[in-house]
Each structure stands twice: as C-alpha cells, then as structure tokens.
Amino acid sequence: MTVKTAVSVPDDLYDRAEQAAKQLGVNRSQLYARALAKYLQDIGPDPVTDRLNELAAEHTKERTARESSAAARFMIDSGVWEW
C-alpha cells in the first residue's frame, strides 16, 4: 500500500532531485521514498521509544495480565493518565 503526501521543498532542491531521478531512472516518488528510507535508516531507532519498550517488556514480565489491566484501569479512572 502507498500513501500520497504533499511536501514542499526549495526550488533548488527540487531541481536537483529531478535531475537525480532522471539519472537513476526512477520517478520522483521512488526517489523521495528511497531517500526517506535511507535517512530513517541512518538516524537509527528512537532511543526514547526503545527505552519505553524495554520498560514495558520488564513490566509485563513482573506482572500478570490481570494485574497490568487493573493498574491501567486505575490510572485511567483516577485521571493520572492524562497528557
């Protein structure tokens, strides 16, 4: 599945991207998708998300599903879990 999106880029970057797409024999969407995938690979995973996932995994090991559900329900009902 693909999703259409609109992005704004400076004119000079657009021109360079168009030239690169022609040289590579791909369309603009393919070039942008490849570039974004490469960028995301280069920056690596988000350390905050990784740590939260680790903590969640530790929590589920320590508590049963019933205990976790009860704790989550308490937080929601008490209003503690508000952004």
C-alpha atoms as a PDB file:
ATOM      1  CA  MET A   1       0.000   0.000   0.000  1.00  0.00           C
ATOM      2  CA  THR A   2       1.207   3.513  -0.693  1.00  0.00           C
ATOM      3  CA  VAL A   3       0.051   6.828   0.693  1.00  0.00           C
ATOM      4  CA  LYS A   4       0.074  10.072  -1.236  1.00  0.00           C
ATOM      5  CA  THR A   5       1.518  13.086   0.503  1.00  0.00           C
ATOM      6  CA  ALA A   6       2.488  16.590  -0.471  1.00  0.00           C
ATOM      7  CA  VAL A   7       5.757  18.110   0.633  1.00  0.00           C
ATOM      8  CA  SER A   8       7.296  21.489  -0.015  1.00  0.00           C
ATOM      9  CA  VAL A   9      10.960  21.720  -0.886  1.00  0.00           C
ATOM     10  CA  PRO A  10      13.097  24.645  -2.029  1.00  0.00           C
ATOM     11  CA  ASP A  11      13.293  25.120  -5.795  1.00  0.00           C
ATOM     12  CA  ASP A  12      16.987  24.256  -5.997  1.00  0.00           C
ATOM     13  CA  LEU A  13      16.477  21.009  -4.072  1.00  0.00           C
ATOM     14  CA  TYR A  14      13.538  20.096  -6.293  1.00  0.00           C
ATOM     15  CA  ASP A  15      15.650  20.672  -9.413  1.00  0.00           C
ATOM     16  CA  ARG A  16      18.472  18.546  -8.018  1.00  0.00           C
ATOM     17  CA  ALA A  17      16.020  15.787  -7.111  1.00  0.00           C
ATOM     18  CA  GLU A  18      14.511  15.827 -10.596  1.00  0.00           C
ATOM     19  CA  GLN A  19      17.969  15.521 -12.121  1.00  0.00           C
ATOM     20  CA  ALA A  20      18.910  12.668  -9.773  1.00  0.00           C
ATOM     21  CA  ALA A  21      15.673  10.800 -10.540  1.00  0.00           C
ATOM     22  CA  LYS A  22      16.384  11.017 -14.272  1.00  0.00           C
ATOM     23  CA  GLN A  23      19.946   9.809 -13.784  1.00  0.00           C
ATOM     24  CA  LEU A  24      18.773   6.880 -11.663  1.00  0.00           C
ATOM     25  CA  GLY A  25      15.894   6.035 -13.982  1.00  0.00           C
ATOM     26  CA  VAL A  26      13.245   6.311 -11.274  1.00  0.00           C
ATOM     27  CA  ASN A  27      10.263   8.582 -10.821  1.00  0.00           C
ATOM     28  CA  ARG A  28      10.149  11.363  -8.245  1.00  0.00           C
ATOM     29  CA  SER A  29       8.091   9.335  -5.767  1.00  0.00           C
ATOM     30  CA  GLN A  30      10.547   6.460  -5.892  1.00  0.00           C
ATOM     31  CA  LEU A  31      13.472   8.811  -5.358  1.00  0.00           C
ATOM     32  CA  TYR A  32      11.839  10.519  -2.375  1.00  0.00           C
ATOM     33  CA  ALA A  33      10.802   7.183  -0.851  1.00  0.00           C
ATOM     34  CA  ARG A  34      14.349   5.822  -1.207  1.00  0.00           C
ATOM     35  CA  ALA A  35      15.843   8.984   0.252  1.00  0.00           C
ATOM     36  CA  LEU A  36      13.475   8.948   3.228  1.00  0.00           C
ATOM     37  CA  ALA A  37      14.104   5.249   3.878  1.00  0.00           C
ATOM     38  CA  LYS A  38      17.868   5.851   3.787  1.00  0.00           C
ATOM     39  CA  TYR A  39      17.582   8.847   6.108  1.00  0.00           C
ATOM     40  CA  LEU A  40      15.499   6.908   8.624  1.00  0.00           C
ATOM     41  CA  GLN A  41      17.959   4.020   8.480  1.00  0.00           C
ATOM     42  CA  ASP A  42      20.875   6.407   9.055  1.00  0.00           C
ATOM     43  CA  ILE A  43      19.364   8.131  12.074  1.00  0.00           C
ATOM     44  CA  GLY A  44      18.541   4.776  13.640  1.00  0.00           C
ATOM     45  CA  PRO A  45      15.843   3.896  16.120  1.00  0.00           C
ATOM     46  CA  ASP A  46      14.484   6.400  18.588  1.00  0.00           C
ATOM     47  CA  PRO A  47      16.252   5.838  21.923  1.00  0.00           C
ATOM     48  CA  VAL A  48      13.273   7.083  23.934  1.00  0.00           C
ATOM     49  CA  THR A  49      10.901   4.646  22.248  1.00  0.00           C
ATOM     50  CA  ASP A  50      13.415   1.834  22.657  1.00  0.00           C
ATOM     51  CA  ARG A  51      13.728   2.506  26.391  1.00  0.00           C
ATOM     52  CA  LEU A  52       9.962   2.692  26.842  1.00  0.00           C
ATOM     53  CA  ASN A  53       9.639  -0.633  25.031  1.00  0.00           C
ATOM     54  CA  GLU A  54      12.271  -2.146  27.334  1.00  0.00           C
ATOM     55  CA  LEU A  55      10.440  -0.886  30.410  1.00  0.00           C
ATOM     56  CA  ALA A  56       7.134  -2.229  29.098  1.00  0.00           C
ATOM     57  CA  ALA A  57       8.726  -5.622  28.491  1.00  0.00           C
ATOM     58  CA  GLU A  58      10.152  -5.652  32.023  1.00  0.00           C
ATOM     59  CA  HIS A  59       6.771  -4.656  33.446  1.00  0.00           C
ATOM     60  CA  THR A  60       4.942  -7.449  31.643  1.00  0.00           C
ATOM     61  CA  LYS A  61       7.440  -9.991  32.946  1.00  0.00           C
ATOM     62  CA  GLU A  62       6.868  -8.862  36.526  1.00  0.00           C
ATOM     63  CA  ARG A  63       3.088  -8.679  36.484  1.00  0.00           C
ATOM     64  CA  THR A  64       0.337 -10.849  35.164  1.00  0.00           C
ATOM     65  CA  ALA A  65      -2.021  -9.554  32.519  1.00  0.00           C
ATOM     66  CA  ARG A  66      -4.781  -9.225  35.132  1.00  0.00           C
ATOM     67  CA  GLU A  67      -2.585  -7.086  37.397  1.00  0.00           C
ATOM     68  CA  SER A  68      -1.457  -4.921  34.479  1.00  0.00           C
ATOM     69  CA  SER A  69      -5.033  -4.378  33.327  1.00  0.00           C
ATOM     70  CA  ALA A  70      -6.130  -3.443  36.818  1.00  0.00           C
ATOM     71  CA  ALA A  71      -3.275  -0.949  37.186  1.00  0.00           C
ATOM     72  CA  ALA A  72      -4.027   0.589  33.791  1.00  0.00           C
ATOM     73  CA  ARG A  73      -7.736   0.881  34.606  1.00  0.00           C
ATOM     74  CA  PHE A  74      -6.907   2.569  37.924  1.00  0.00           C
ATOM     75  CA  MET A  75      -4.677   5.121  36.187  1.00  0.00           C
ATOM     76  CA  ILE A  76      -7.316   5.913  33.598  1.00  0.00           C
ATOM     77  CA  ASP A  77     -10.148   6.152  36.108  1.00  0.00           C
ATOM     78  CA  SER A  78      -8.139   8.299  38.540  1.00  0.00           C
ATOM     79  CA  GLY A  79      -7.156  10.794  35.839  1.00  0.00           C
ATOM     80  CA  VAL A  80      -3.449  10.184  36.410  1.00  0.00           C
ATOM     81  CA  TRP A  81      -3.019   9.162  32.780  1.00  0.00           C
ATOM     82  CA  GLU A  82      -3.695  12.495  31.099  1.00  0.00           C
ATOM     83  CA  TRP A  83      -1.385  14.209  28.653  1.00  0.00           C
END
